[in-house]
Amino acid sequence: MLTLTLAHTADLDVAALRAVRALLDDVFDGAFGDDDWDHARGGVHVLLTGDNGLVTGDDGLVGHAAVVARRLLHAGRALRTGYVEGVAVHRSHRRRGHGGTLMAAAERVVRGGYDLGALSASAEALAFYRGRGWLPWTGPASALTPDGVRPTPDEDSLHVLPVGVPVDPAGELTCDWRDGDLW
């Protein structure tokens, strides 16, 4: 039996945060760095756990997603954006619908508290997100850096979930600054 839990980072103890980080490190094959970890904290975590609670592995932490607050600029507006980070399902639990369960909960958070949802999808997950109604961003993307607005032309995995504000996916989208990957 699996349990779905939503909790803010502040409500997770050290052991739970370690279990989430271990899952993300494992699922992303060591390509999940400290900046990525920082990006996934400070918002709502969606946790799918088995009988052993938050112990990673076959019967512990099955999956994770996080929704963190960001500001994205589009069409002259600063949009409150629920940015989805750290979506992962333990290898032994894939192809059972758990990713959909995690995203349904994350999307509920986005729809309930933000103007827009956004995420940067891996190549393997593009069809998954598009099948859930996430729209690929085809317009120019940029970042508001300490040196001003700078284009991010290599960003081709950006997807949005319009919620309360109409957006034009062919228009310009600018993200707020953060260390590591901007998107």
Protein backbone atom coordinates (compact mmCIF):
# COMPACT_ATOMS: atom_id res chain seq x y z
CA MET A 1 0.00 0.00 0.00
CA LEU A 2 1.28 3.46 -0.92
CA THR A 3 0.66 6.76 0.85
CA LEU A 4 0.61 10.18 -0.80
CA THR A 5 1.72 13.06 1.42
CA LEU A 6 2.08 16.77 0.74
CA ALA A 7 4.39 18.68 3.07
CA HIS A 8 6.30 21.93 3.03
CA THR A 9 10.07 21.64 3.27
CA ALA A 10 9.86 23.14 6.79
CA ASP A 11 7.66 20.22 7.87
CA LEU A 12 10.10 17.51 6.75
CA ASP A 13 12.66 16.27 9.25
CA VAL A 14 16.32 15.64 8.43
CA ALA A 15 15.73 11.93 7.76
CA ALA A 16 12.95 12.68 5.29
CA LEU A 17 15.05 15.25 3.46
CA ARG A 18 17.96 12.79 3.30
CA ALA A 19 15.65 10.14 1.84
CA VAL A 20 14.39 12.55 -0.83
CA ARG A 21 17.93 13.61 -1.73
CA ALA A 22 19.07 9.97 -1.93
CA LEU A 23 16.18 9.14 -4.26
CA LEU A 24 16.94 12.11 -6.50
CA ASP A 25 20.66 11.30 -6.59
CA ASP A 26 19.86 7.71 -7.56
CA VAL A 27 17.19 8.45 -10.17
CA PHE A 28 19.26 11.17 -11.86
CA ASP A 29 22.39 8.95 -11.87
CA GLY A 30 24.51 11.40 -9.92
CA ALA A 31 23.58 14.35 -12.16
CA PHE A 32 21.46 15.93 -9.42
CA GLY A 33 23.77 18.51 -7.84
CA ASP A 34 23.61 20.75 -4.82
CA ASP A 35 22.07 23.60 -6.84
CA ASP A 36 19.36 21.22 -8.09
CA TRP A 37 18.71 20.17 -4.49
CA ASP A 38 18.47 23.81 -3.46
CA HIS A 39 15.94 24.43 -6.26
CA ALA A 40 13.71 21.60 -5.03
CA ARG A 41 13.41 22.96 -1.48
CA GLY A 42 11.36 25.76 0.01
CA GLY A 43 8.00 24.70 -1.35
CA VAL A 44 5.55 21.84 -1.23
CA HIS A 45 6.90 18.30 -1.56
CA VAL A 46 4.72 15.52 -2.92
CA LEU A 47 5.89 12.22 -1.42
CA LEU A 48 4.74 8.75 -2.39
CA THR A 49 5.82 6.26 0.25
CA GLY A 50 5.48 2.57 0.89
CA ASP A 51 5.16 0.60 4.10
CA ASN A 52 8.62 1.58 5.36
CA GLY A 53 7.93 5.30 5.31
CA LEU A 54 10.71 7.47 3.93
CA VAL A 55 13.44 4.86 3.76
CA THR A 56 14.62 4.78 0.16
CA GLY A 57 14.27 1.57 -1.75
CA ASP A 58 11.65 -0.90 -2.81
CA ASP A 59 9.38 -0.40 0.20
CA GLY A 60 10.25 3.16 1.22
CA LEU A 61 10.20 6.40 -0.73
CA VAL A 62 8.65 5.51 -4.07
CA GLY A 63 8.46 8.97 -5.62
CA HIS A 64 8.87 12.69 -5.16
CA ALA A 65 7.94 15.98 -6.81
CA ALA A 66 8.21 19.53 -5.51
CA VAL A 67 6.43 22.77 -6.33
CA VAL A 68 8.39 25.90 -5.50
CA ALA A 69 7.38 29.54 -5.96
CA ARG A 70 9.06 31.54 -8.70
CA ARG A 71 8.32 34.72 -10.64
CA LEU A 72 8.24 34.48 -14.42
CA LEU A 73 7.79 37.56 -16.60
CA HIS A 74 5.45 37.31 -19.59
CA ALA A 75 3.58 39.92 -21.63
CA GLY A 76 4.45 42.71 -19.20
CA ARG A 77 3.36 40.79 -16.08
CA ALA A 78 5.19 39.10 -13.24
CA LEU A 79 3.39 35.77 -12.85
CA ARG A 80 3.30 33.81 -9.59
CA THR A 81 4.56 30.50 -10.87
CA GLY A 82 4.49 27.07 -9.30
CA TYR A 83 7.72 25.62 -10.68
CA VAL A 84 7.89 21.82 -10.58
CA GLU A 85 11.25 20.36 -9.54
CA GLY A 86 12.73 17.01 -8.60
CA VAL A 87 10.15 14.69 -10.14
CA ALA A 88 11.39 11.14 -9.64
CA VAL A 89 10.07 7.61 -9.24
CA HIS A 90 12.24 4.86 -7.76
CA ARG A 91 13.48 2.51 -10.48
CA SER A 92 11.69 -0.51 -9.03
CA HIS A 93 8.32 1.30 -9.14
CA ARG A 94 8.29 2.72 -12.66
CA ARG A 95 5.57 2.12 -15.24
CA ARG A 96 2.86 1.77 -12.59
CA GLY A 97 1.28 5.23 -12.84
CA HIS A 98 3.17 6.69 -9.89
CA GLY A 99 4.53 9.60 -11.94
CA GLY A 100 0.95 10.52 -12.82
CA THR A 101 -0.05 10.32 -9.16
CA LEU A 102 2.80 12.64 -8.17
CA MET A 103 2.04 15.10 -10.95
CA ALA A 104 -1.71 15.15 -10.27
CA ALA A 105 -0.94 16.29 -6.72
CA ALA A 106 1.68 18.79 -7.89
CA GLU A 107 -0.73 20.18 -10.49
CA ARG A 108 -3.40 20.58 -7.79
CA VAL A 109 -0.92 22.72 -5.83
CA VAL A 110 -0.15 24.76 -8.96
CA ARG A 111 -3.83 25.26 -9.82
CA GLY A 112 -4.71 26.19 -6.26
CA GLY A 113 -2.02 28.77 -5.64
CA TYR A 114 -0.40 30.09 -8.78
CA ASP A 115 -1.04 31.95 -12.05
CA LEU A 116 1.07 29.49 -14.02
CA GLY A 117 2.84 26.18 -13.73
CA ALA A 118 6.26 25.68 -15.31
CA LEU A 119 8.95 23.03 -15.49
CA SER A 120 11.98 21.99 -17.48
CA ALA A 121 11.48 18.45 -18.75
CA SER A 122 14.08 15.82 -19.49
CA ALA A 123 13.99 14.45 -23.03
CA GLU A 124 12.59 11.16 -21.68
CA ALA A 125 9.67 12.92 -19.99
CA LEU A 126 8.48 15.23 -22.79
CA ALA A 127 5.62 12.98 -23.92
CA PHE A 128 4.56 12.39 -20.30
CA TYR A 129 4.17 16.11 -19.53
CA ARG A 130 2.58 16.95 -22.87
CA GLY A 131 0.08 14.14 -22.33
CA ARG A 132 -0.91 15.83 -19.07
CA GLY A 133 -1.63 19.14 -20.80
CA TRP A 134 1.68 20.90 -20.27
CA LEU A 135 2.49 23.09 -23.27
CA PRO A 136 5.98 23.36 -24.75
CA TRP A 137 7.31 26.92 -24.68
CA THR A 138 8.28 27.76 -28.26
CA GLY A 139 9.03 31.45 -27.81
CA PRO A 140 12.26 33.03 -26.64
CA ALA A 141 13.35 32.38 -23.08
CA SER A 142 15.58 34.59 -20.96
CA ALA A 143 16.67 35.14 -17.38
CA LEU A 144 16.73 38.23 -15.22
CA THR A 145 20.39 38.02 -14.14
CA PRO A 146 22.46 40.33 -11.93
CA ASP A 147 23.73 41.81 -15.24
CA GLY A 148 20.24 42.38 -16.66
CA VAL A 149 18.00 40.26 -18.89
CA ARG A 150 20.01 37.64 -20.78
CA PRO A 151 18.71 35.20 -23.40
CA THR A 152 18.73 31.49 -22.59
CA PRO A 153 18.59 30.25 -26.20
CA ASP A 154 19.49 26.63 -25.43
CA GLU A 155 16.37 26.16 -23.32
CA ASP A 156 14.19 23.82 -25.36
CA SER A 157 12.65 21.72 -22.60
CA LEU A 158 10.56 24.42 -20.95
CA HIS A 159 6.85 23.61 -20.46
CA VAL A 160 4.02 25.60 -18.93
CA LEU A 161 0.63 24.79 -17.48
CA PRO A 162 -1.63 27.83 -17.89
CA VAL A 163 -3.85 28.23 -14.84
CA GLY A 164 -5.26 31.68 -14.13
CA VAL A 165 -3.64 33.88 -16.73
CA PRO A 166 -3.64 33.40 -20.49
CA VAL A 167 -0.16 32.96 -21.93
CA ASP A 168 1.23 32.86 -25.43
CA PRO A 169 3.74 29.98 -25.65
CA ALA A 170 5.29 31.70 -28.69
CA GLY A 171 5.91 34.87 -26.68
CA GLU A 172 8.85 35.75 -24.49
CA LEU A 173 9.27 34.23 -21.02
CA THR A 174 11.82 35.47 -18.50
CA CYS A 175 12.69 33.65 -15.29
CA ASP A 176 14.00 35.01 -12.03
CA TRP A 177 17.67 34.51 -11.13
CA ARG A 178 19.01 31.53 -9.22
CA ASP A 179 22.33 29.70 -8.98
CA GLY A 180 22.83 26.64 -11.18
CA ASP A 181 20.37 25.85 -13.96
CA LEU A 182 18.17 28.89 -14.48
CA TRP A 183 15.28 26.82 -15.77
